[in-house]
């Protein structure tokens, strides 16, 4: 939970980002639990056409992503407007995608990039069951990824660490002592 001395105007509005297989959902859900806020699975907001396209091995285009990003931004803003914080899993691969999310909440989104070696991510994707994103799209996601720059409110975490260590570092990055 947030400490009582934290400013109530500083609700946690956090996007855990990265390519498919980087651990976004796991870390975002765990961080939301630590913060005592809702978790939103960004993949659940994809239009069915996007899911079908990715499941068929076709990478999404910017035109495919805009409505999805708008839906995620709207959900973040709804949580903010209700006086709630939120942690969202969302690839947010490009700077302009992150700008779209920031615009919805007047710039008040913190990003946590889960980053790591291609081989590790590939192995994770091969090992997971029931997800629509095939391992064959990993290279297109890596090619699209623009890591957050110094002008963005972001932290980059190395996914080679254990999940408990990543959760500690993610919580510390948003001012929560674990």
N, C-alpha and C. Protein backbone atom coordinates (compact mmCIF):
# COMPACT_ATOMS: atom_id res chain seq x y z
N UNK A 1 0.84 -1.18 0.00
CA UNK A 1 0.00 0.00 0.00
C UNK A 1 0.88 1.25 0.00
N UNK A 2 0.30 2.33 -0.46
CA UNK A 2 1.02 3.60 -0.47
C UNK A 2 1.15 4.10 0.95
N UNK A 3 2.26 4.76 1.25
CA UNK A 3 2.47 5.28 2.59
C UNK A 3 1.53 6.47 2.82
N UNK A 4 1.11 6.70 4.08
CA UNK A 4 0.17 7.78 4.35
C UNK A 4 0.73 9.16 4.00
N UNK A 5 2.06 9.29 4.04
CA UNK A 5 2.65 10.60 3.74
C UNK A 5 2.71 10.91 2.25
N UNK A 6 2.43 9.90 1.40
CA UNK A 6 2.43 10.18 -0.03
C UNK A 6 1.28 11.11 -0.38
N UNK A 7 1.55 12.04 -1.24
CA UNK A 7 0.55 13.01 -1.67
C UNK A 7 -0.58 12.29 -2.39
N UNK A 8 -1.81 12.52 -1.94
CA UNK A 8 -2.96 11.86 -2.56
C UNK A 8 -3.15 12.28 -4.01
N UNK A 9 -2.58 13.41 -4.41
CA UNK A 9 -2.65 13.83 -5.81
C UNK A 9 -1.68 13.06 -6.68
N UNK A 10 -0.84 12.25 -6.07
CA UNK A 10 0.14 11.46 -6.81
C UNK A 10 -0.27 10.00 -6.86
N UNK A 11 -1.46 9.76 -7.34
CA UNK A 11 -1.93 8.39 -7.50
C UNK A 11 -1.00 7.65 -8.44
N UNK A 12 -0.70 6.39 -8.13
CA UNK A 12 0.15 5.64 -9.06
C UNK A 12 -0.60 5.32 -10.35
N UNK A 13 -0.11 5.86 -11.43
CA UNK A 13 -0.63 5.56 -12.77
C UNK A 13 0.56 4.99 -13.52
N UNK A 14 0.64 3.67 -13.59
CA UNK A 14 1.85 2.99 -14.02
C UNK A 14 1.55 2.07 -15.19
N UNK A 15 2.41 2.11 -16.19
CA UNK A 15 2.34 1.18 -17.31
C UNK A 15 3.60 0.33 -17.29
N UNK A 16 3.43 -0.98 -17.13
CA UNK A 16 4.54 -1.91 -17.23
C UNK A 16 4.59 -2.33 -18.69
N UNK A 17 5.69 -2.00 -19.35
CA UNK A 17 5.79 -2.13 -20.80
C UNK A 17 6.92 -3.06 -21.21
N UNK A 18 6.89 -3.45 -22.47
CA UNK A 18 7.94 -4.28 -23.04
C UNK A 18 7.37 -5.15 -24.14
N UNK A 19 8.23 -5.90 -24.76
CA UNK A 19 7.80 -6.79 -25.83
C UNK A 19 7.05 -7.98 -25.25
N UNK A 20 6.36 -8.70 -26.11
CA UNK A 20 5.67 -9.92 -25.69
C UNK A 20 6.66 -10.87 -25.03
N UNK A 21 6.24 -11.49 -23.95
CA UNK A 21 7.09 -12.46 -23.27
C UNK A 21 8.05 -11.88 -22.26
N UNK A 22 8.02 -10.57 -22.06
CA UNK A 22 8.96 -9.94 -21.13
C UNK A 22 8.50 -10.03 -19.68
N UNK A 23 7.25 -10.40 -19.45
CA UNK A 23 6.74 -10.54 -18.09
C UNK A 23 5.85 -9.40 -17.63
N UNK A 24 5.31 -8.64 -18.56
CA UNK A 24 4.50 -7.47 -18.22
C UNK A 24 3.34 -7.82 -17.29
N UNK A 25 2.57 -8.82 -17.65
CA UNK A 25 1.37 -9.15 -16.87
C UNK A 25 1.74 -9.60 -15.46
N UNK A 26 2.75 -10.42 -15.34
CA UNK A 26 3.18 -10.92 -14.03
C UNK A 26 3.63 -9.78 -13.13
N UNK A 27 4.50 -8.93 -13.66
CA UNK A 27 5.05 -7.84 -12.85
C UNK A 27 3.98 -6.79 -12.58
N UNK A 28 3.17 -6.45 -13.57
CA UNK A 28 2.12 -5.44 -13.37
C UNK A 28 1.11 -5.90 -12.32
N UNK A 29 0.69 -7.16 -12.39
CA UNK A 29 -0.28 -7.67 -11.42
C UNK A 29 0.32 -7.68 -10.01
N UNK A 30 1.58 -8.11 -9.90
CA UNK A 30 2.24 -8.12 -8.60
C UNK A 30 2.45 -6.73 -8.04
N UNK A 31 2.81 -5.78 -8.89
CA UNK A 31 3.00 -4.41 -8.44
C UNK A 31 1.67 -3.79 -8.01
N UNK A 32 0.62 -4.04 -8.77
CA UNK A 32 -0.70 -3.53 -8.40
C UNK A 32 -1.11 -4.05 -7.02
N UNK A 33 -0.83 -5.32 -6.78
CA UNK A 33 -1.16 -5.90 -5.47
C UNK A 33 -0.36 -5.20 -4.36
N UNK A 34 0.94 -4.99 -4.58
CA UNK A 34 1.76 -4.31 -3.59
C UNK A 34 1.27 -2.89 -3.31
N UNK A 35 0.79 -2.21 -4.36
CA UNK A 35 0.33 -0.83 -4.23
C UNK A 35 -1.11 -0.74 -3.74
N UNK A 36 -1.84 -1.85 -3.80
CA UNK A 36 -3.24 -1.83 -3.40
C UNK A 36 -4.13 -1.11 -4.41
N UNK A 37 -3.77 -1.25 -5.70
CA UNK A 37 -4.57 -0.62 -6.76
C UNK A 37 -4.98 -1.68 -7.77
N UNK A 38 -5.85 -1.29 -8.69
CA UNK A 38 -6.31 -2.23 -9.72
C UNK A 38 -5.22 -2.52 -10.74
N UNK A 39 -5.32 -3.70 -11.32
CA UNK A 39 -4.46 -4.11 -12.44
C UNK A 39 -5.34 -4.23 -13.66
N UNK A 40 -4.88 -3.66 -14.76
CA UNK A 40 -5.58 -3.80 -16.04
C UNK A 40 -4.67 -4.53 -17.00
N UNK A 41 -5.16 -5.64 -17.53
CA UNK A 41 -4.44 -6.42 -18.54
C UNK A 41 -4.68 -5.76 -19.89
N UNK A 42 -3.65 -5.08 -20.41
CA UNK A 42 -3.79 -4.37 -21.67
C UNK A 42 -4.21 -5.26 -22.82
N UNK A 43 -3.74 -6.50 -22.84
CA UNK A 43 -4.10 -7.42 -23.93
C UNK A 43 -5.62 -7.64 -23.99
N UNK A 44 -6.29 -7.55 -22.85
CA UNK A 44 -7.74 -7.77 -22.82
C UNK A 44 -8.50 -6.64 -23.52
N UNK A 45 -7.84 -5.53 -23.78
CA UNK A 45 -8.49 -4.40 -24.43
C UNK A 45 -8.26 -4.36 -25.95
N UNK A 46 -7.49 -5.32 -26.46
CA UNK A 46 -7.29 -5.40 -27.90
C UNK A 46 -8.61 -5.73 -28.59
N UNK A 47 -8.92 -5.06 -29.69
CA UNK A 47 -10.06 -5.50 -30.50
C UNK A 47 -9.79 -6.92 -31.02
N UNK A 48 -10.85 -7.68 -31.22
CA UNK A 48 -10.68 -9.06 -31.68
C UNK A 48 -9.91 -9.13 -32.99
N UNK A 49 -10.06 -8.12 -33.85
CA UNK A 49 -9.33 -8.10 -35.12
C UNK A 49 -7.82 -8.08 -34.87
N UNK A 50 -7.38 -7.34 -33.85
CA UNK A 50 -5.95 -7.31 -33.51
C UNK A 50 -5.48 -8.67 -33.02
N UNK A 51 -6.26 -9.28 -32.16
CA UNK A 51 -5.91 -10.60 -31.62
C UNK A 51 -5.81 -11.61 -32.76
N UNK A 52 -6.77 -11.58 -33.65
CA UNK A 52 -6.76 -12.51 -34.79
C UNK A 52 -5.54 -12.28 -35.67
N UNK A 53 -5.21 -11.04 -35.90
CA UNK A 53 -4.06 -10.71 -36.74
C UNK A 53 -2.76 -11.24 -36.12
N UNK A 54 -2.57 -10.96 -34.83
CA UNK A 54 -1.35 -11.43 -34.16
C UNK A 54 -1.32 -12.95 -34.09
N UNK A 55 -2.44 -13.56 -33.75
CA UNK A 55 -2.51 -15.02 -33.67
C UNK A 55 -2.17 -15.65 -35.01
N UNK A 56 -2.47 -14.93 -36.10
CA UNK A 56 -2.15 -15.41 -37.43
C UNK A 56 -0.73 -15.11 -37.87
N UNK A 57 0.07 -14.56 -36.95
CA UNK A 57 1.48 -14.30 -37.25
C UNK A 57 1.75 -12.99 -37.95
N UNK A 58 0.78 -12.08 -37.96
CA UNK A 58 0.97 -10.78 -38.60
C UNK A 58 1.19 -9.71 -37.54
N UNK A 59 2.25 -8.93 -37.67
CA UNK A 59 2.46 -7.85 -36.70
C UNK A 59 1.42 -6.74 -36.88
N UNK A 60 1.11 -6.07 -35.80
CA UNK A 60 0.19 -4.95 -35.85
C UNK A 60 0.87 -3.74 -36.47
N UNK A 61 0.07 -2.91 -37.10
CA UNK A 61 0.54 -1.63 -37.63
C UNK A 61 0.16 -0.54 -36.63
N UNK A 62 0.66 0.65 -36.86
CA UNK A 62 0.26 1.78 -36.02
C UNK A 62 -1.25 1.96 -36.07
N UNK A 63 -1.83 1.84 -37.26
CA UNK A 63 -3.28 2.01 -37.38
C UNK A 63 -4.04 0.97 -36.56
N UNK A 64 -3.49 -0.23 -36.43
CA UNK A 64 -4.11 -1.25 -35.58
C UNK A 64 -4.01 -0.87 -34.11
N UNK A 65 -2.91 -0.25 -33.75
CA UNK A 65 -2.64 0.02 -32.33
C UNK A 65 -3.36 1.25 -31.78
N UNK A 66 -3.63 2.26 -32.60
CA UNK A 66 -4.20 3.50 -32.06
C UNK A 66 -5.49 3.30 -31.28
N UNK A 67 -6.49 2.58 -31.79
CA UNK A 67 -7.72 2.40 -31.00
C UNK A 67 -7.45 1.66 -29.68
N UNK A 68 -6.55 0.71 -29.72
CA UNK A 68 -6.19 -0.04 -28.50
C UNK A 68 -5.53 0.89 -27.49
N UNK A 69 -4.59 1.70 -27.92
CA UNK A 69 -3.93 2.65 -27.02
C UNK A 69 -4.92 3.66 -26.47
N UNK A 70 -5.84 4.11 -27.30
CA UNK A 70 -6.88 5.04 -26.84
C UNK A 70 -7.73 4.38 -25.75
N UNK A 71 -8.07 3.11 -25.92
CA UNK A 71 -8.86 2.39 -24.92
C UNK A 71 -8.09 2.25 -23.61
N UNK A 72 -6.81 1.95 -23.69
CA UNK A 72 -6.00 1.84 -22.48
C UNK A 72 -5.89 3.20 -21.80
N UNK A 73 -5.61 4.23 -22.58
CA UNK A 73 -5.52 5.58 -22.00
C UNK A 73 -6.82 6.00 -21.33
N UNK A 74 -7.94 5.66 -21.95
CA UNK A 74 -9.25 5.99 -21.36
C UNK A 74 -9.46 5.27 -20.04
N UNK A 75 -9.02 4.02 -19.96
CA UNK A 75 -9.16 3.26 -18.70
C UNK A 75 -8.27 3.85 -17.61
N UNK A 76 -7.05 4.24 -17.96
CA UNK A 76 -6.17 4.88 -16.98
C UNK A 76 -6.81 6.17 -16.48
N UNK A 77 -7.33 6.97 -17.42
CA UNK A 77 -7.94 8.23 -17.04
C UNK A 77 -9.19 8.02 -16.19
N UNK A 78 -9.97 7.00 -16.48
CA UNK A 78 -11.16 6.72 -15.67
C UNK A 78 -10.77 6.37 -14.24
N UNK A 79 -9.71 5.59 -14.08
CA UNK A 79 -9.23 5.26 -12.73
C UNK A 79 -8.77 6.54 -12.01
N UNK A 80 -8.01 7.38 -12.73
CA UNK A 80 -7.53 8.64 -12.15
C UNK A 80 -8.70 9.51 -11.74
N UNK A 81 -9.69 9.66 -12.63
CA UNK A 81 -10.85 10.50 -12.36
C UNK A 81 -11.64 10.00 -11.15
N UNK A 82 -11.62 8.70 -10.92
CA UNK A 82 -12.32 8.10 -9.78
C UNK A 82 -11.48 8.18 -8.50
N UNK A 83 -10.31 8.78 -8.59
CA UNK A 83 -9.44 8.90 -7.42
C UNK A 83 -8.69 7.63 -7.10
N UNK A 84 -8.50 6.80 -8.11
CA UNK A 84 -7.83 5.52 -7.92
C UNK A 84 -6.53 5.49 -8.71
N UNK A 85 -5.59 4.72 -8.23
CA UNK A 85 -4.39 4.44 -8.99
C UNK A 85 -4.61 3.17 -9.78
N UNK A 86 -3.66 2.87 -10.68
CA UNK A 86 -3.80 1.68 -11.51
C UNK A 86 -2.44 1.28 -12.05
N UNK A 87 -2.27 -0.01 -12.29
CA UNK A 87 -1.10 -0.53 -12.98
C UNK A 87 -1.61 -1.29 -14.19
N UNK A 88 -1.06 -0.96 -15.36
CA UNK A 88 -1.51 -1.53 -16.62
C UNK A 88 -0.35 -2.26 -17.30
N UNK A 89 -0.63 -3.40 -17.89
CA UNK A 89 0.36 -4.04 -18.76
C UNK A 89 0.04 -3.62 -20.19
N UNK A 90 1.05 -3.11 -20.88
CA UNK A 90 0.86 -2.62 -22.25
C UNK A 90 2.23 -2.55 -22.91
N UNK A 91 2.35 -3.06 -24.11
CA UNK A 91 3.66 -3.06 -24.77
C UNK A 91 4.24 -1.66 -24.91
N UNK A 92 3.44 -0.66 -25.30
CA UNK A 92 3.89 0.74 -25.39
C UNK A 92 5.27 0.85 -26.04
N UNK A 93 5.44 0.20 -27.17
CA UNK A 93 6.76 0.01 -27.76
C UNK A 93 7.41 1.29 -28.29
N UNK A 94 6.61 2.23 -28.75
CA UNK A 94 7.18 3.45 -29.33
C UNK A 94 6.93 4.66 -28.42
N UNK A 95 7.83 5.64 -28.53
CA UNK A 95 7.68 6.88 -27.78
C UNK A 95 6.31 7.50 -28.06
N UNK A 96 5.90 7.51 -29.31
CA UNK A 96 4.62 8.12 -29.68
C UNK A 96 3.44 7.37 -29.05
N UNK A 97 3.56 6.08 -28.84
CA UNK A 97 2.50 5.32 -28.15
C UNK A 97 2.43 5.76 -26.69
N UNK A 98 3.59 5.93 -26.08
CA UNK A 98 3.62 6.38 -24.68
C UNK A 98 3.08 7.80 -24.57
N UNK A 99 3.38 8.64 -25.57
CA UNK A 99 2.82 9.99 -25.58
C UNK A 99 1.29 9.95 -25.63
N UNK A 100 0.75 9.02 -26.41
CA UNK A 100 -0.70 8.86 -26.50
C UNK A 100 -1.29 8.55 -25.12
N UNK A 101 -0.65 7.66 -24.38
CA UNK A 101 -1.13 7.31 -23.04
C UNK A 101 -0.97 8.48 -22.08
N UNK A 102 0.15 9.18 -22.16
CA UNK A 102 0.39 10.35 -21.30
C UNK A 102 -0.67 11.43 -21.53
N UNK A 103 -1.00 11.64 -22.78
CA UNK A 103 -1.95 12.71 -23.15
C UNK A 103 -3.29 12.51 -22.44
N UNK A 104 -3.70 11.26 -22.28
CA UNK A 104 -4.98 10.97 -21.64
C UNK A 104 -5.03 11.40 -20.18
N UNK A 105 -3.88 11.44 -19.53
CA UNK A 105 -3.85 11.77 -18.09
C UNK A 105 -2.90 12.93 -17.80
N UNK A 106 -2.80 13.84 -18.73
CA UNK A 106 -1.97 15.04 -18.54
C UNK A 106 -0.54 14.72 -18.15
N UNK A 107 0.04 13.70 -18.78
CA UNK A 107 1.45 13.39 -18.59
C UNK A 107 1.80 12.62 -17.35
N UNK A 108 0.83 12.21 -16.56
CA UNK A 108 1.12 11.63 -15.25
C UNK A 108 1.25 10.11 -15.24
N UNK A 109 1.90 9.55 -16.23
CA UNK A 109 2.07 8.10 -16.28
C UNK A 109 3.54 7.77 -16.07
N UNK A 110 3.79 6.80 -15.20
CA UNK A 110 5.15 6.29 -14.99
C UNK A 110 5.26 5.00 -15.79
N UNK A 111 6.37 4.82 -16.49
CA UNK A 111 6.58 3.61 -17.29
C UNK A 111 7.70 2.78 -16.68
N UNK A 112 7.49 1.47 -16.69
CA UNK A 112 8.50 0.51 -16.27
C UNK A 112 8.72 -0.43 -17.45
N UNK A 113 9.88 -0.32 -18.07
CA UNK A 113 10.22 -1.20 -19.20
C UNK A 113 10.89 -2.46 -18.67
N UNK A 114 10.33 -3.59 -19.05
CA UNK A 114 10.95 -4.88 -18.76
C UNK A 114 11.76 -5.26 -19.99
N UNK A 115 13.06 -5.31 -19.81
CA UNK A 115 13.97 -5.49 -20.94
C UNK A 115 14.92 -6.64 -20.65
N UNK A 116 15.31 -7.33 -21.71
CA UNK A 116 16.24 -8.44 -21.52
C UNK A 116 16.67 -9.03 -22.83
N UNK A 117 17.50 -10.04 -22.75
CA UNK A 117 18.04 -10.66 -23.95
C UNK A 117 16.96 -11.36 -24.78
N UNK A 118 17.11 -11.26 -26.08
CA UNK A 118 16.16 -11.86 -27.01
C UNK A 118 15.98 -13.35 -26.74
N UNK A 119 17.08 -14.07 -26.49
CA UNK A 119 16.99 -15.52 -26.29
C UNK A 119 16.13 -15.88 -25.07
N UNK A 120 16.26 -15.11 -24.00
CA UNK A 120 15.46 -15.36 -22.80
C UNK A 120 13.98 -15.12 -23.10
N UNK A 121 13.68 -14.01 -23.76
CA UNK A 121 12.29 -13.70 -24.10
C UNK A 121 11.71 -14.76 -25.02
N UNK A 122 12.49 -15.17 -26.01
CA UNK A 122 12.05 -16.19 -26.94
C UNK A 122 11.70 -17.49 -26.21
N UNK A 123 12.57 -17.91 -25.30
CA UNK A 123 12.30 -19.13 -24.53
C UNK A 123 11.03 -19.01 -23.71
N UNK A 124 10.82 -17.83 -23.13
CA UNK A 124 9.59 -17.63 -22.36
C UNK A 124 8.36 -17.75 -23.25
N UNK A 125 8.44 -17.17 -24.44
CA UNK A 125 7.29 -17.21 -25.35
C UNK A 125 7.00 -18.64 -25.80
N UNK A 126 8.05 -19.38 -26.06
CA UNK A 126 7.88 -20.78 -26.49
C UNK A 126 7.23 -21.59 -25.38
N UNK A 127 7.58 -21.29 -24.13
CA UNK A 127 7.09 -22.07 -23.00
C UNK A 127 5.70 -21.72 -22.51
N UNK A 128 5.16 -20.59 -22.93
CA UNK A 128 3.84 -20.23 -22.39
C UNK A 128 2.72 -20.84 -23.23
N UNK A 129 1.64 -21.10 -22.56
CA UNK A 129 0.50 -21.76 -23.20
C UNK A 129 -0.69 -20.81 -23.22
N UNK A 130 -1.48 -20.89 -24.29
CA UNK A 130 -2.75 -20.19 -24.34
C UNK A 130 -2.68 -18.70 -24.66
N UNK A 131 -1.55 -18.20 -25.08
CA UNK A 131 -1.47 -16.78 -25.44
C UNK A 131 -1.52 -16.65 -26.95
N UNK A 132 -2.20 -15.61 -27.42
CA UNK A 132 -2.39 -15.44 -28.86
C UNK A 132 -1.14 -14.99 -29.60
N UNK A 133 -0.18 -14.39 -28.90
CA UNK A 133 1.01 -13.84 -29.57
C UNK A 133 2.04 -14.94 -29.82
N UNK A 134 2.30 -15.26 -31.08
CA UNK A 134 3.28 -16.31 -31.38
C UNK A 134 4.72 -15.80 -31.24
N UNK A 135 5.60 -16.71 -30.96
CA UNK A 135 7.02 -16.39 -30.82
C UNK A 135 7.57 -15.80 -32.12
N UNK A 136 6.96 -16.13 -33.24
CA UNK A 136 7.44 -15.64 -34.54
C UNK A 136 7.35 -14.12 -34.68
N UNK A 137 6.57 -13.46 -33.82
CA UNK A 137 6.45 -12.00 -33.90
C UNK A 137 7.44 -11.26 -32.98
N UNK A 138 8.25 -12.00 -32.25
CA UNK A 138 9.19 -11.36 -31.33
C UNK A 138 10.12 -10.39 -32.04
N UNK A 139 10.70 -10.80 -33.16
CA UNK A 139 11.65 -9.92 -33.84
C UNK A 139 11.00 -8.62 -34.32
N UNK A 140 9.74 -8.69 -34.76
CA UNK A 140 9.07 -7.45 -35.18
C UNK A 140 8.83 -6.53 -33.98
N UNK A 141 8.54 -7.12 -32.82
CA UNK A 141 8.36 -6.31 -31.63
C UNK A 141 9.69 -5.67 -31.19
N UNK A 142 10.75 -6.45 -31.22
CA UNK A 142 12.06 -5.90 -30.86
C UNK A 142 12.49 -4.79 -31.82
N UNK A 143 12.16 -4.95 -33.09
CA UNK A 143 12.50 -3.92 -34.08
C UNK A 143 11.70 -2.64 -33.85
N UNK A 144 10.48 -2.78 -33.35
CA UNK A 144 9.61 -1.63 -33.10
C UNK A 144 9.96 -0.92 -31.80
N UNK A 145 10.50 -1.64 -30.83
CA UNK A 145 10.76 -1.09 -29.50
C UNK A 145 11.70 0.12 -29.55
N UNK A 146 11.23 1.22 -29.01
CA UNK A 146 12.05 2.41 -28.76
C UNK A 146 12.14 2.54 -27.25
N UNK A 147 13.30 2.26 -26.70
CA UNK A 147 13.43 2.33 -25.25
C UNK A 147 13.20 3.76 -24.78
N UNK A 148 12.58 3.90 -23.61
CA UNK A 148 12.32 5.24 -23.09
C UNK A 148 13.61 6.03 -22.91
N UNK A 149 13.53 7.28 -23.26
CA UNK A 149 14.68 8.17 -23.14
C UNK A 149 14.62 8.98 -21.86
N UNK A 150 15.62 9.83 -21.66
CA UNK A 150 15.70 10.64 -20.44
C UNK A 150 14.54 11.62 -20.29
N UNK A 151 13.84 11.92 -21.37
CA UNK A 151 12.71 12.85 -21.31
C UNK A 151 11.42 12.16 -20.84
N UNK A 152 11.47 10.86 -20.60
CA UNK A 152 10.29 10.11 -20.17
C UNK A 152 10.44 9.69 -18.71
N UNK A 153 9.31 9.64 -18.03
CA UNK A 153 9.30 9.18 -16.64
C UNK A 153 9.29 7.66 -16.68
N UNK A 154 10.48 7.07 -16.77
CA UNK A 154 10.56 5.62 -16.96
C UNK A 154 11.76 5.04 -16.24
N UNK A 155 11.63 3.77 -15.92
CA UNK A 155 12.73 3.00 -15.36
C UNK A 155 12.83 1.72 -16.19
N UNK A 156 14.04 1.23 -16.38
CA UNK A 156 14.26 0.01 -17.15
C UNK A 156 14.76 -1.06 -16.20
N UNK A 157 14.07 -2.20 -16.20
CA UNK A 157 14.45 -3.33 -15.34
C UNK A 157 14.88 -4.51 -16.19
N UNK A 158 15.91 -5.18 -15.74
CA UNK A 158 16.47 -6.34 -16.44
C UNK A 158 15.70 -7.59 -16.05
N UNK A 159 15.04 -8.22 -17.02
CA UNK A 159 14.20 -9.39 -16.74
C UNK A 159 15.00 -10.65 -16.45
N UNK A 160 16.31 -10.56 -16.48
CA UNK A 160 17.12 -11.72 -16.11
C UNK A 160 17.04 -11.99 -14.61
N UNK A 161 16.50 -11.03 -13.86
CA UNK A 161 16.34 -11.18 -12.41
C UNK A 161 15.11 -12.04 -12.12
N UNK A 162 15.00 -12.48 -10.89
CA UNK A 162 13.82 -13.25 -10.48
C UNK A 162 12.61 -12.33 -10.38
N UNK A 163 11.43 -12.93 -10.44
CA UNK A 163 10.20 -12.15 -10.30
C UNK A 163 10.16 -11.41 -8.96
N UNK A 164 10.48 -12.06 -7.83
CA UNK A 164 10.46 -11.31 -6.56
C UNK A 164 11.42 -10.10 -6.59
N UNK A 165 12.61 -10.26 -7.17
CA UNK A 165 13.54 -9.13 -7.26
C UNK A 165 12.99 -8.03 -8.15
N UNK A 166 12.38 -8.42 -9.27
CA UNK A 166 11.80 -7.42 -10.16
C UNK A 166 10.67 -6.66 -9.47
N UNK A 167 9.86 -7.35 -8.69
CA UNK A 167 8.77 -6.69 -7.98
C UNK A 167 9.31 -5.71 -6.95
N UNK A 168 10.37 -6.07 -6.26
CA UNK A 168 10.98 -5.14 -5.30
C UNK A 168 11.48 -3.90 -6.03
N UNK A 169 12.20 -4.09 -7.12
CA UNK A 169 12.75 -2.96 -7.87
C UNK A 169 11.64 -2.10 -8.48
N UNK A 170 10.58 -2.74 -8.99
CA UNK A 170 9.45 -1.99 -9.55
C UNK A 170 8.78 -1.15 -8.46
N UNK A 171 8.57 -1.76 -7.29
CA UNK A 171 7.95 -1.03 -6.18
C UNK A 171 8.84 0.13 -5.74
N UNK A 172 10.13 -0.10 -5.64
CA UNK A 172 11.05 0.98 -5.26
C UNK A 172 11.04 2.11 -6.28
N UNK A 173 10.88 1.76 -7.56
CA UNK A 173 10.90 2.79 -8.61
C UNK A 173 9.71 3.74 -8.53
N UNK A 174 8.65 3.31 -7.85
CA UNK A 174 7.48 4.18 -7.69
C UNK A 174 7.35 4.68 -6.25
N UNK A 175 8.44 4.56 -5.49
CA UNK A 175 8.49 5.13 -4.15
C UNK A 175 7.94 4.27 -3.04
N UNK A 176 7.74 3.00 -3.32
CA UNK A 176 7.22 2.08 -2.30
C UNK A 176 8.37 1.27 -1.76
N UNK A 177 8.56 1.31 -0.46
CA UNK A 177 9.61 0.51 0.16
C UNK A 177 9.03 -0.88 0.43
N UNK A 178 9.73 -1.93 -0.04
CA UNK A 178 9.18 -3.27 0.16
C UNK A 178 9.79 -3.94 1.35
